[in-house]
Amino acid sequence: MMEWQSQTPMPDLARRTKDPDWERKQRDREYRVAARREKRNRKADEKKQRKLNATILRRMTRNPDKYTKNAERNRLRDIDGERRKIWTEALKQAQRLAAVHDPSGAMFNVGPVITQEDGTVISLETIKRRQEREAMEQAKKDANLGTVRGTYDVKAEFQVTENRDKTENGKVTGAAVNGINPARLSQIDAVKPRVALRGMSKTQQKRIAAMEPRPPPQKPIIPDGISLPEGEEDWLALWDLPDEQLERRVIRAKRRKAAERKALRAKQQCGKIERRAARDEKRKVYRELKLTWKTIKEEETRHKTKVRSVEEEEAKRIAVEINRFDRKAALDQCAQFGFTLENTPGVNEIKPKALGMKGVDVDFEALELGESLNDVKPKGSKKRVDLSTIPEQAGTQLVPSAPKDGRDSGEYIKLDVGEGQDYEALNFNHKLRRKLRRAIESAEIRKEVLVRERVIDLCKERGIEPPPEISTPAKPVHLKGHRVLENGTLETEKRERVRMRMELAEYNQAARVLRKQAKQIAMEAGLRVYAEMTGRIPPRGSPGNEENSINYGPGWYRA
């Protein structure tokens, strides 16, 4: 027999605690989930089969009525619901008339009524029931929170003195609506809490409670001489309708709602092609406008990148100038202590070292630095070749050559300087010049650092504080991302945040304006296409129709 193995790995907590029941719990859980899934799929398959059977039956018997589950029960419920609706509407109609002619309700066989601030009419009995329900709910909440001490007694909680109903011009005083009617207290005690059925939702429980049989309300009366408002249906005349007529009313209401749905669908389908074309045109115009924004944004990004690179170069140049000034000030301070580059021991041993030029011997004594950052050239170099400096033993000879690719052979000039020695001048391109300059400057900085160290050691021996100029950085300090302001100072972080926030606000404002304009243009384009397809305006390109001459005034598309 194959041993069961869970697809879910064991959690770390169960592995650490070595829970022996984890596998059993996990197996039971997976079985429950599988059983629930199987039941759900089975019910779905049964529902599909019932629908298929009903469709086959209608086709075989040519019966257009669809099969519905519990049709007889639903029919009786619809009849009962229609009867309840008629009774409720008749009571409300009589209460509205009583609020005008007799607020006490005696003439219409209804209880006392009042008119609320919003103009609706409500009976005092309804207000009392609401207050009783709210009071019971509040008392239950207090009992659940532990604020009520002892046992929960409904009579002790809701016992109030009986107050007579006092009405004045259809308005009820506060004493008449406070409290609970003692006559209904016995009914409250007689009502037992409903035991929730297992496996039934709250919505289903409310539906069952609403369908429970209830005693009919007291039938109102409309006295002679009092007519109904114009346009209102006489609900009281429908009070005692039999079940057959109630069923016919239900069927007519269902057919009327079905006709309304059908008319709504037909209205929605009408002009569907035109609306879709207008929508596509609107999206197309908006998409084209967004492409123009993309071009503008790319151009602005390129401009910002260029400006940022210029700012970076300017910041580097300023950092180099500041470093040069600090180095000169540090050497002046060292000279006051008697240490210079000429008299400090160990300075002459520091030689430049070019990085990335292993195996290439460079005579740095024959090089000199120019004014620019990458300007390095041999000492005493001239633009023209001085042929008088060529030794006498140097001679020229024609050297024939035969290229490998089979082209015509040529004669080249070979210059010999000495026996068997060919001299090739270095190619001073920008990369080589940068390497050589960095090597020379690095050697100069190391020499200056050595002089500073000697001065610092001297100050420590004498017990004095070294000058602050000696402690400045020996190499340029480049602060990336900081702009140089007009006064020559660097931009602080706070100013940078404010500047970026202002730029973002300006960009968002401009983008908001562009989106609003684009939406307006796209909307007009879609409306134009819709109007052309529906015949409201002549199509573009027709004789006498120019786009600029169309007047899109308010409501032109509803004409």
Protein backbone atom coordinates (compact mmCIF):
# COMPACT_ATOMS: atom_id res chain seq x y z
CA MET A 1 0.00 0.00 0.00
CA MET A 2 1.33 3.39 -0.99
CA GLU A 3 2.10 5.61 1.98
CA TRP A 4 0.33 8.98 2.10
CA GLN A 5 2.52 12.02 1.65
CA SER A 6 1.37 15.62 1.88
CA GLN A 7 2.14 18.01 -0.96
CA THR A 8 2.57 20.80 1.59
CA PRO A 9 6.00 20.79 3.25
CA MET A 10 6.07 20.60 7.02
CA PRO A 11 6.27 24.08 8.60
CA ASP A 12 9.37 25.10 10.52
CA LEU A 13 7.46 25.27 13.80
CA ALA A 14 6.16 21.69 13.46
CA ARG A 15 9.62 20.51 12.44
CA ARG A 16 11.27 22.17 15.42
CA THR A 17 8.66 21.00 17.93
CA LYS A 18 8.40 17.57 16.26
CA ASP A 19 4.62 17.65 16.36
CA PRO A 20 3.47 13.99 15.98
CA ASP A 21 -0.10 15.01 15.04
CA TRP A 22 0.84 17.31 12.20
CA GLU A 23 0.62 14.65 9.50
CA ARG A 24 -2.75 13.42 10.78
CA LYS A 25 -4.14 16.98 10.91
CA GLN A 26 -2.76 17.79 7.47
CA ARG A 27 -4.18 14.56 6.01
CA ASP A 28 -7.64 15.27 7.48
CA ARG A 29 -7.48 18.84 6.21
CA GLU A 30 -6.61 17.76 2.68
CA TYR A 31 -9.37 15.13 2.74
CA ARG A 32 -11.90 17.77 3.80
CA VAL A 33 -10.78 20.14 1.06
CA ALA A 34 -10.95 17.37 -1.54
CA ALA A 35 -14.42 16.31 -0.36
CA ARG A 36 -15.64 19.91 -0.49
CA ARG A 37 -14.24 20.34 -3.99
CA GLU A 38 -15.83 17.08 -5.14
CA LYS A 39 -19.20 18.08 -3.72
CA ARG A 40 -19.04 21.50 -5.37
CA ASN A 41 -18.18 19.97 -8.75
CA ARG A 42 -20.94 17.39 -8.38
CA LYS A 43 -23.55 20.05 -7.64
CA ALA A 44 -22.34 22.12 -10.60
CA ASP A 45 -22.61 19.09 -12.90
CA GLU A 46 -26.11 18.34 -11.60
CA LYS A 47 -27.18 21.92 -12.25
CA LYS A 48 -25.84 21.77 -15.80
CA GLN A 49 -27.64 18.47 -16.37
CA ARG A 50 -30.94 19.92 -15.06
CA LYS A 51 -30.65 22.87 -17.43
CA LEU A 52 -29.91 20.52 -20.33
CA ASN A 53 -32.85 18.28 -19.45
CA ALA A 54 -35.16 21.29 -19.25
CA THR A 55 -33.98 22.53 -22.64
CA ILE A 56 -34.52 19.10 -24.24
CA LEU A 57 -37.96 18.85 -22.65
CA ARG A 58 -39.02 22.26 -23.95
CA ARG A 59 -37.89 21.33 -27.43
CA MET A 60 -39.67 18.00 -27.34
CA THR A 61 -42.95 19.31 -25.95
CA ARG A 62 -42.73 22.74 -27.64
CA ASN A 63 -43.36 24.32 -24.25
CA PRO A 64 -41.74 27.78 -24.02
CA ASP A 65 -41.91 27.88 -20.20
CA LYS A 66 -38.56 27.24 -18.56
CA TYR A 67 -38.22 24.68 -15.83
CA THR A 68 -37.81 26.18 -12.39
CA LYS A 69 -37.13 24.32 -9.22
CA ASN A 70 -39.98 24.44 -6.62
CA ALA A 71 -42.31 26.20 -9.03
CA GLU A 72 -45.44 25.65 -6.90
CA ARG A 73 -43.75 26.96 -3.77
CA ASN A 74 -42.51 30.02 -5.60
CA ARG A 75 -45.99 30.63 -7.04
CA LEU A 76 -47.58 30.61 -3.60
CA ARG A 77 -44.85 32.87 -2.25
CA ASP A 78 -45.37 35.36 -5.09
CA ILE A 79 -49.12 35.42 -4.38
CA ASP A 80 -48.54 35.97 -0.68
CA GLY A 81 -45.99 38.67 -1.42
CA GLU A 82 -48.40 40.47 -3.75
CA ARG A 83 -51.13 40.34 -1.10
CA ARG A 84 -48.73 41.75 1.53
CA LYS A 85 -47.76 44.49 -0.89
CA ILE A 86 -51.39 45.47 -1.46
CA TRP A 87 -52.09 45.56 2.30
CA THR A 88 -48.99 47.65 2.99
CA GLU A 89 -49.73 50.15 0.22
CA ALA A 90 -53.37 50.45 1.35
CA LEU A 91 -52.27 51.21 4.95
CA LYS A 92 -49.78 53.80 3.78
CA GLN A 93 -52.39 55.40 1.55
CA ALA A 94 -54.87 55.61 4.42
CA GLN A 95 -52.19 57.02 6.76
CA ARG A 96 -51.35 59.76 4.24
CA LEU A 97 -55.01 60.73 4.04
CA ALA A 98 -55.31 60.61 7.86
CA ALA A 99 -52.35 62.97 8.24
CA VAL A 100 -54.30 65.54 6.21
CA HIS A 101 -57.87 65.03 7.50
CA ASP A 102 -57.61 63.32 10.93
CA PRO A 103 -54.17 62.86 12.60
CA SER A 104 -55.71 60.62 15.26
CA GLY A 105 -56.57 58.05 12.55
CA ALA A 106 -60.01 57.22 13.96
CA MET A 107 -61.85 58.14 10.74
CA PHE A 108 -59.62 55.85 8.65
CA ASN A 109 -59.37 52.97 11.18
CA VAL A 110 -55.60 53.47 11.55
CA GLY A 111 -53.55 54.47 14.56
CA PRO A 112 -52.26 57.97 15.27
CA VAL A 113 -49.91 59.28 12.64
CA ILE A 114 -47.42 62.12 12.42
CA THR A 115 -45.73 63.95 9.56
CA GLN A 116 -41.97 63.92 9.66
CA GLU A 117 -39.67 66.72 8.63
CA ASP A 118 -39.04 65.24 5.18
CA GLY A 119 -42.80 65.08 4.48
CA THR A 120 -43.29 61.34 4.97
CA VAL A 121 -46.10 60.02 7.17
CA ILE A 122 -45.43 57.41 9.85
CA SER A 123 -47.57 55.88 12.58
CA LEU A 124 -46.79 56.09 16.29
CA GLU A 125 -46.94 52.31 16.52
CA THR A 126 -44.06 52.04 14.05
CA ILE A 127 -42.00 54.53 16.05
CA LYS A 128 -42.62 52.56 19.25
CA ARG A 129 -41.55 49.29 17.62
CA ARG A 130 -38.36 50.92 16.39
CA GLN A 131 -37.57 52.23 19.85
CA GLU A 132 -38.23 48.81 21.41
CA ARG A 133 -35.96 47.13 18.88
CA GLU A 134 -33.17 49.68 19.39
CA ALA A 135 -33.47 49.43 23.16
CA MET A 136 -33.27 45.64 23.09
CA GLU A 137 -30.25 45.71 20.78
CA GLN A 138 -28.49 48.23 23.01
CA ALA A 139 -29.26 46.18 26.11
CA LYS A 140 -27.91 43.05 24.45
CA LYS A 141 -24.72 44.90 23.51
CA ASP A 142 -24.30 46.08 27.10
CA ALA A 143 -24.91 42.56 28.37
CA ASN A 144 -22.30 41.16 25.97
CA LEU A 145 -19.79 43.78 27.10
CA GLY A 146 -20.37 42.92 30.74
CA THR A 147 -21.80 46.29 31.69
CA VAL A 148 -25.08 44.81 32.95
CA ARG A 149 -24.73 43.08 36.32
CA GLY A 150 -26.72 39.96 37.22
CA THR A 151 -29.13 38.15 34.92
CA TYR A 152 -30.69 39.75 31.91
CA ASP A 153 -34.35 40.59 32.69
CA VAL A 154 -36.35 42.07 29.85
CA LYS A 155 -39.19 43.37 32.07
CA ALA A 156 -36.83 44.97 34.56
CA GLU A 157 -34.91 46.58 31.72
CA PHE A 158 -37.86 47.89 29.72
CA GLN A 159 -40.53 48.46 32.37
CA VAL A 160 -41.77 52.05 32.01
CA THR A 161 -44.81 53.92 33.16
CA GLU A 162 -47.73 54.07 30.78
CA ASN A 163 -48.06 57.42 29.13
CA ARG A 164 -51.09 58.58 27.28
CA ASP A 165 -50.62 59.52 23.65
CA LYS A 166 -50.75 63.22 23.29
CA THR A 167 -51.02 64.70 19.84
CA GLU A 168 -51.13 68.31 18.91
CA ASN A 169 -51.87 69.32 15.32
CA GLY A 170 -50.53 66.02 14.01
CA LYS A 171 -47.27 66.43 15.94
CA VAL A 172 -46.51 64.11 18.81
CA THR A 173 -44.78 65.30 21.97
CA GLY A 174 -41.68 63.67 23.45
CA ALA A 175 -43.58 62.03 26.31
CA ALA A 176 -45.82 60.17 23.86
CA VAL A 177 -43.01 58.43 21.94
CA ASN A 178 -40.66 57.54 24.79
CA GLY A 179 -40.71 54.08 26.32
CA ILE A 180 -42.44 50.86 25.33
CA ASN A 181 -46.11 50.08 25.30
CA PRO A 182 -46.79 47.63 28.21
CA ALA A 183 -49.39 45.91 26.03
CA ARG A 184 -46.59 44.68 23.78
CA LEU A 185 -44.35 43.61 26.63
CA SER A 186 -46.03 40.22 26.89
CA GLN A 187 -45.49 39.71 23.17
CA ILE A 188 -41.80 40.51 23.56
CA ASP A 189 -41.51 37.93 26.36
CA ALA A 190 -43.44 35.37 24.36
CA VAL A 191 -41.08 35.61 21.41
CA LYS A 192 -38.39 32.97 21.80
CA PRO A 193 -34.98 33.45 20.23
CA ARG A 194 -34.79 31.75 16.88
CA VAL A 195 -32.35 28.85 16.80
CA ALA A 196 -30.18 29.20 13.74
CA LEU A 197 -30.38 26.18 11.52
CA ARG A 198 -27.05 24.55 10.86
CA GLY A 199 -25.76 25.09 7.36
CA MET A 200 -28.13 28.00 6.61
CA SER A 201 -26.87 31.50 5.92
CA LYS A 202 -28.24 34.63 7.57
CA THR A 203 -29.73 35.78 4.28
CA GLN A 204 -31.64 32.51 3.95
CA GLN A 205 -32.83 32.80 7.55
CA LYS A 206 -34.13 36.33 6.93
CA ARG A 207 -35.90 35.13 3.79
CA ILE A 208 -37.58 32.28 5.66
CA ALA A 209 -38.60 34.64 8.47
CA ALA A 210 -40.15 37.06 5.95
CA MET A 211 -42.14 34.19 4.36
CA GLU A 212 -43.62 32.99 7.65
CA PRO A 213 -47.42 33.37 7.90
CA ARG A 214 -48.52 36.48 9.79
CA PRO A 215 -51.94 37.74 10.78
CA PRO A 216 -53.42 40.31 8.38
CA PRO A 217 -53.41 43.94 9.52
CA GLN A 218 -56.56 45.82 10.39
CA LYS A 219 -58.39 46.90 7.24
CA PRO A 220 -58.49 50.69 6.88
CA ILE A 221 -61.49 52.72 5.79
CA ILE A 222 -61.77 55.70 3.47
CA PRO A 223 -64.85 57.74 4.48
CA ASP A 224 -67.30 59.08 1.94
CA GLY A 225 -66.49 62.49 0.61
CA ILE A 226 -62.69 61.98 0.75
CA SER A 227 -61.15 61.31 -2.64
CA LEU A 228 -57.74 59.93 -3.47
CA PRO A 229 -55.07 62.19 -4.97
CA GLU A 230 -55.03 62.32 -8.74
CA GLY A 231 -52.98 59.54 -10.35
CA GLU A 232 -52.90 57.19 -7.31
CA GLU A 233 -54.17 53.63 -7.50
CA ASP A 234 -56.97 52.58 -5.13
CA TRP A 235 -55.15 49.93 -3.12
CA LEU A 236 -58.04 49.48 -0.72
CA ALA A 237 -60.24 48.17 -3.56
CA LEU A 238 -57.68 45.36 -4.07
CA TRP A 239 -57.69 44.28 -0.41
CA ASP A 240 -59.80 41.11 -0.84
CA LEU A 241 -58.62 39.91 -4.26
CA PRO A 242 -58.63 36.11 -4.70
CA ASP A 243 -55.50 34.12 -5.46
CA GLU A 244 -56.31 33.85 -9.18
CA GLN A 245 -56.39 37.60 -9.69
CA LEU A 246 -53.29 38.07 -7.53
CA GLU A 247 -51.47 35.52 -9.67
CA ARG A 248 -52.52 37.36 -12.82
CA ARG A 249 -51.16 40.62 -11.32
CA VAL A 250 -47.87 38.89 -10.57
CA ILE A 251 -47.66 37.54 -14.12
CA ARG A 252 -48.45 40.95 -15.62
CA ALA A 253 -45.76 42.59 -13.44
CA LYS A 254 -43.19 40.00 -14.55
CA ARG A 255 -44.10 40.53 -18.21
CA ARG A 256 -43.90 44.28 -17.79
CA LYS A 257 -40.42 44.02 -16.24
CA ALA A 258 -39.34 41.65 -19.01
CA ALA A 259 -40.57 44.13 -21.63
CA GLU A 260 -38.64 46.92 -19.88
CA ARG A 261 -35.48 44.83 -19.91
CA LYS A 262 -35.97 44.02 -23.57
CA ALA A 263 -36.52 47.67 -24.42
CA LEU A 264 -33.39 48.60 -22.47
CA ARG A 265 -31.35 46.01 -24.36
CA ALA A 266 -32.70 47.27 -27.69
CA LYS A 267 -31.85 50.83 -26.68
CA GLN A 268 -28.36 49.77 -25.69
CA GLN A 269 -27.84 47.89 -28.96
CA CYS A 270 -29.09 50.87 -31.00
CA GLY A 271 -26.11 52.89 -32.21
CA LYS A 272 -23.58 50.37 -30.95
CA ILE A 273 -21.50 50.52 -34.13
CA GLU A 274 -21.47 54.32 -34.13
CA ARG A 275 -20.50 54.51 -30.46
CA ARG A 276 -17.73 51.97 -30.99
CA ALA A 277 -16.36 53.94 -33.95
CA ALA A 278 -16.46 57.14 -31.91
CA ARG A 279 -14.66 55.39 -29.06
CA ASP A 280 -11.95 54.07 -31.39
CA GLU A 281 -11.45 57.51 -32.92
CA LYS A 282 -11.21 59.07 -29.47
CA ARG A 283 -8.58 56.56 -28.37
CA LYS A 284 -6.65 56.94 -31.62
CA VAL A 285 -6.44 60.73 -31.34
CA TYR A 286 -5.45 60.55 -27.69
CA ARG A 287 -2.75 57.96 -28.47
CA GLU A 288 -1.31 60.13 -31.25
CA LEU A 289 -1.15 63.12 -28.93
CA LYS A 290 0.61 61.02 -26.31
CA LEU A 291 3.27 60.11 -28.91
CA THR A 292 3.97 63.82 -29.42
CA TRP A 293 4.42 64.15 -25.64
CA LYS A 294 6.94 61.32 -25.79
CA THR A 295 9.01 63.20 -28.37
CA ILE A 296 8.93 66.37 -26.27
CA LYS A 297 9.90 64.44 -23.16
CA GLU A 298 12.81 62.72 -24.92
CA GLU A 299 14.10 66.08 -26.16
CA GLU A 300 13.81 67.52 -22.65
CA THR A 301 15.61 64.49 -21.21
CA ARG A 302 18.47 64.93 -23.68
CA HIS A 303 18.72 68.59 -22.77
CA LYS A 304 18.77 67.78 -19.05
CA THR A 305 21.45 65.14 -19.61
CA LYS A 306 23.59 67.61 -21.50
CA VAL A 307 23.16 70.27 -18.82
CA ARG A 308 23.96 67.72 -16.11
CA SER A 309 27.18 66.68 -17.88
CA VAL A 310 28.25 70.32 -18.18
CA GLU A 311 27.52 70.83 -14.49
CA GLU A 312 29.54 67.74 -13.61
CA GLU A 313 32.53 69.00 -15.62
CA GLU A 314 32.25 72.41 -14.01
CA ALA A 315 32.08 70.84 -10.55
CA LYS A 316 35.20 68.77 -11.32
CA ARG A 317 37.08 71.84 -12.52
CA ILE A 318 36.15 73.79 -9.40
CA ALA A 319 37.14 70.86 -7.18
CA VAL A 320 40.58 70.76 -8.90
CA GLU A 321 41.06 74.50 -8.44
CA ILE A 322 40.11 74.28 -4.76
CA ASN A 323 42.52 71.38 -4.32
CA ARG A 324 45.33 73.31 -5.95
CA PHE A 325 44.71 76.28 -3.68
CA ASP A 326 44.68 74.04 -0.57
CA ARG A 327 47.87 72.26 -1.64
CA LYS A 328 49.65 75.57 -2.19
CA ALA A 329 48.50 76.82 1.22
CA ALA A 330 49.69 73.57 2.86
CA LEU A 331 53.14 73.87 1.22
CA ASP A 332 53.42 77.47 2.41
CA GLN A 333 52.67 76.35 5.97
CA CYS A 334 55.24 73.55 5.69
CA ALA A 335 57.83 76.05 4.44
CA GLN A 336 57.31 78.10 7.58
CA PHE A 337 58.34 75.03 9.59
CA GLY A 338 61.41 74.58 7.37
CA PHE A 339 60.18 71.68 5.23
CA THR A 340 60.07 72.00 1.45
CA LEU A 341 60.09 69.61 -1.50
CA GLU A 342 63.80 70.26 -1.98
CA ASN A 343 65.10 69.66 1.57
CA THR A 344 62.76 66.91 2.82
CA PRO A 345 64.47 63.49 2.78
CA GLY A 346 62.71 60.75 0.81
CA VAL A 347 61.04 63.06 -1.70
CA ASN A 348 63.47 62.29 -4.51
CA GLU A 349 62.87 58.55 -4.16
CA ILE A 350 59.19 58.99 -5.18
CA LYS A 351 58.88 58.41 -8.91
CA PRO A 352 55.78 58.47 -11.15
CA LYS A 353 54.25 55.11 -12.07
CA ALA A 354 51.94 54.86 -15.06
CA LEU A 355 49.11 52.39 -14.53
CA GLY A 356 48.27 49.96 -17.31
CA MET A 357 51.64 50.40 -19.06
CA LYS A 358 53.54 47.40 -17.81
CA GLY A 359 56.69 46.70 -19.81
CA VAL A 360 56.80 50.24 -21.27
CA ASP A 361 59.58 52.49 -20.02
CA VAL A 362 58.58 56.13 -19.88
CA ASP A 363 61.10 58.88 -19.18
CA PHE A 364 59.01 61.24 -17.03
CA GLU A 365 61.97 63.63 -16.75
CA ALA A 366 61.56 64.44 -20.44
CA LEU A 367 57.81 65.26 -20.05
CA GLU A 368 56.16 68.43 -18.90
CA LEU A 369 52.54 69.37 -18.02
CA GLY A 370 50.57 71.87 -19.99
CA GLU A 371 47.79 74.21 -18.99
CA SER A 372 44.79 71.94 -19.69
CA LEU A 373 43.96 68.80 -17.74
CA ASN A 374 45.15 66.39 -20.42
CA ASP A 375 48.00 68.45 -21.82
CA VAL A 376 51.23 66.41 -21.55
CA LYS A 377 54.09 66.88 -24.05
CA PRO A 378 57.81 66.23 -24.27
CA LYS A 379 60.08 69.01 -23.11
CA GLY A 380 61.33 71.18 -25.94
CA SER A 381 59.07 69.53 -28.52
CA LYS A 382 58.53 71.36 -31.80
CA LYS A 383 55.98 70.96 -34.52
CA ARG A 384 58.62 70.59 -37.31
CA VAL A 385 61.33 67.92 -37.58
CA ASP A 386 64.86 69.30 -37.23
CA LEU A 387 66.88 67.29 -39.76
CA SER A 388 70.14 68.79 -38.54
CA THR A 389 69.91 66.72 -35.37
CA ILE A 390 70.18 63.45 -37.34
CA PRO A 391 73.58 61.77 -36.81
CA GLU A 392 76.03 61.57 -39.69
CA GLN A 393 76.00 57.76 -39.69
CA ALA A 394 72.27 57.79 -40.32
CA GLY A 395 71.43 56.93 -43.87
CA THR A 396 68.51 56.19 -46.08
CA GLN A 397 67.91 53.22 -48.32
CA LEU A 398 65.09 51.98 -50.52
CA VAL A 399 63.38 48.90 -49.18
CA PRO A 400 61.21 46.99 -51.64
CA SER A 401 58.23 45.18 -50.19
CA ALA A 402 55.85 42.57 -51.57
CA PRO A 403 52.48 42.67 -49.81
CA LYS A 404 50.80 39.38 -49.05
CA ASP A 405 47.53 40.34 -50.75
CA GLY A 406 49.22 40.37 -54.15
CA ARG A 407 49.07 44.11 -54.81
CA ASP A 408 51.84 46.01 -56.56
CA SER A 409 55.03 46.21 -54.57
CA GLY A 410 56.17 49.65 -53.38
CA GLU A 411 59.37 51.27 -52.20
CA TYR A 412 59.51 52.68 -48.70
CA ILE A 413 62.12 54.81 -46.89
CA LYS A 414 63.81 53.39 -43.83
CA LEU A 415 65.64 55.70 -41.43
CA ASP A 416 68.53 54.16 -39.49
CA VAL A 417 69.94 55.90 -36.45
CA GLY A 418 72.92 53.88 -35.20
CA GLU A 419 73.65 50.26 -35.85
CA GLY A 420 70.53 48.10 -35.88
CA GLN A 421 68.39 50.51 -33.82
CA ASP A 422 64.98 51.78 -34.96
CA TYR A 423 63.53 54.59 -32.84
CA GLU A 424 59.72 54.98 -32.73
CA ALA A 425 58.21 58.07 -31.15
CA LEU A 426 55.40 57.58 -28.64
CA ASN A 427 51.86 58.31 -29.85
CA PHE A 428 50.62 60.98 -27.46
CA ASN A 429 46.89 60.43 -27.84
CA HIS A 430 44.33 61.59 -25.26
CA LYS A 431 44.36 58.28 -23.30
CA LEU A 432 48.13 58.20 -22.98
CA ARG A 433 48.29 61.86 -22.03
CA ARG A 434 45.69 61.31 -19.31
CA LYS A 435 47.61 58.34 -17.90
CA LEU A 436 50.89 60.21 -17.87
CA ARG A 437 49.39 63.31 -16.30
CA ARG A 438 47.70 61.24 -13.58
CA ALA A 439 50.98 59.47 -12.84
CA ILE A 440 52.88 62.77 -12.56
CA GLU A 441 50.20 64.41 -10.37
CA SER A 442 49.97 61.33 -8.16
CA ALA A 443 53.74 61.47 -7.60
CA GLU A 444 53.56 65.18 -6.77
CA ILE A 445 50.74 64.54 -4.28
CA ARG A 446 52.70 61.74 -2.59
CA LYS A 447 55.67 64.05 -2.26
CA GLU A 448 53.53 66.76 -0.68
CA VAL A 449 51.93 64.25 1.66
CA LEU A 450 55.39 63.15 2.77
CA VAL A 451 56.29 66.77 3.54
CA ARG A 452 53.05 67.19 5.51
CA GLU A 453 53.77 64.05 7.53
CA ARG A 454 57.18 65.41 8.49
CA VAL A 455 55.59 68.66 9.69
CA ILE A 456 52.91 66.77 11.66
CA ASP A 457 55.58 64.63 13.35
CA LEU A 458 57.50 67.78 14.26
CA CYS A 459 54.39 69.35 15.76
CA LYS A 460 53.73 66.27 17.83
CA GLU A 461 57.31 66.31 19.17
CA ARG A 462 56.99 69.94 20.19
CA GLY A 463 53.47 69.42 21.56
CA ILE A 464 51.75 72.00 19.38
CA GLU A 465 48.65 71.75 17.22
CA PRO A 466 49.31 71.33 13.47
CA PRO A 467 47.91 74.10 11.29
CA PRO A 468 44.48 73.29 9.75
CA GLU A 469 45.84 73.91 6.24
CA ILE A 470 48.03 70.81 6.53
CA SER A 471 45.00 68.57 7.25
CA THR A 472 43.12 69.48 4.07
CA PRO A 473 42.55 66.65 1.51
CA ALA A 474 45.50 66.09 -0.78
CA LYS A 475 43.31 64.97 -3.71
CA PRO A 476 40.36 66.81 -5.28
CA VAL A 477 37.04 66.09 -3.55
CA HIS A 478 34.28 65.97 -6.14
CA LEU A 479 30.75 66.10 -4.71
CA LYS A 480 28.53 64.41 -7.27
CA GLY A 481 25.04 65.73 -7.83
CA HIS A 482 25.71 69.17 -6.33
CA ARG A 483 25.22 72.18 -8.52
CA VAL A 484 27.39 75.27 -8.47
CA LEU A 485 25.32 78.35 -7.73
CA GLU A 486 25.87 81.79 -9.23
CA ASN A 487 27.85 82.97 -6.21
CA GLY A 488 30.31 80.06 -6.63
CA THR A 489 29.07 77.97 -3.69
CA LEU A 490 27.77 74.42 -3.91
CA GLU A 491 24.06 73.69 -3.70
CA THR A 492 22.97 72.24 -0.36
CA GLU A 493 20.79 69.16 0.00
CA LYS A 494 17.83 71.22 1.21
CA ARG A 495 18.05 73.54 -1.80
CA GLU A 496 18.33 70.51 -4.05
CA ARG A 497 15.16 68.97 -2.57
CA VAL A 498 13.29 72.26 -2.97
CA ARG A 499 14.49 72.61 -6.56
CA MET A 500 13.49 69.05 -7.46
CA ARG A 501 10.11 69.51 -5.81
CA MET A 502 9.51 72.71 -7.79
CA GLU A 503 10.56 71.05 -11.04
CA LEU A 504 8.24 68.11 -10.35
CA ALA A 505 5.35 70.47 -9.57
CA GLU A 506 5.94 72.39 -12.80
CA TYR A 507 6.15 69.15 -14.79
CA ASN A 508 2.93 67.80 -13.25
CA GLN A 509 1.14 71.08 -13.91
CA ALA A 510 2.25 71.08 -17.55
CA ALA A 511 1.33 67.38 -17.92
CA ARG A 512 -2.08 68.04 -16.38
CA VAL A 513 -2.77 70.83 -18.84
CA LEU A 514 -1.62 68.66 -21.76
CA ARG A 515 -3.84 65.76 -20.67
CA LYS A 516 -6.84 68.05 -20.30
CA GLN A 517 -6.30 69.52 -23.77
CA ALA A 518 -5.75 66.08 -25.29
CA LYS A 519 -8.93 64.70 -23.72
CA GLN A 520 -10.92 67.65 -25.04
CA ILE A 521 -9.50 67.22 -28.55
CA ALA A 522 -10.09 63.45 -28.47
CA MET A 523 -13.65 63.96 -27.21
CA GLU A 524 -14.40 66.37 -30.05
CA ALA A 525 -12.92 63.93 -32.58
CA GLY A 526 -15.08 61.08 -31.26
CA LEU A 527 -18.22 63.23 -31.28
CA ARG A 528 -17.42 64.36 -34.82
CA VAL A 529 -17.20 60.76 -36.04
CA TYR A 530 -20.43 59.85 -34.22
CA ALA A 531 -22.24 62.85 -35.73
CA GLU A 532 -20.99 61.97 -39.21
CA MET A 533 -22.11 58.34 -38.96
CA THR A 534 -25.54 59.25 -37.58
CA GLY A 535 -26.14 61.91 -40.23
CA ARG A 536 -26.12 64.87 -37.88
CA ILE A 537 -23.41 66.58 -39.94
CA PRO A 538 -22.11 65.87 -43.46
CA PRO A 539 -19.02 63.65 -43.56
CA ARG A 540 -15.60 65.17 -43.96
CA GLY A 541 -14.42 65.43 -47.53
CA SER A 542 -17.89 66.08 -48.90
CA PRO A 543 -18.44 69.26 -50.95
CA GLY A 544 -19.08 72.29 -48.80
CA ASN A 545 -17.90 70.68 -45.58
CA GLU A 546 -14.74 72.10 -44.10
CA GLU A 547 -13.55 71.10 -40.67
CA ASN A 548 -12.92 74.68 -39.56
CA SER A 549 -16.42 75.81 -40.54
CA ILE A 550 -18.21 73.33 -38.27
CA ASN A 551 -19.76 75.00 -35.25
CA TYR A 552 -19.51 72.67 -32.24
CA GLY A 553 -21.79 74.67 -29.98
CA PRO A 554 -23.37 73.44 -26.75
CA GLY A 555 -25.68 70.51 -27.47
CA TRP A 556 -24.88 70.31 -31.21
CA TYR A 557 -24.65 66.51 -31.02
CA ARG A 558 -28.18 66.32 -29.54
CA ALA A 559 -29.75 68.24 -32.38
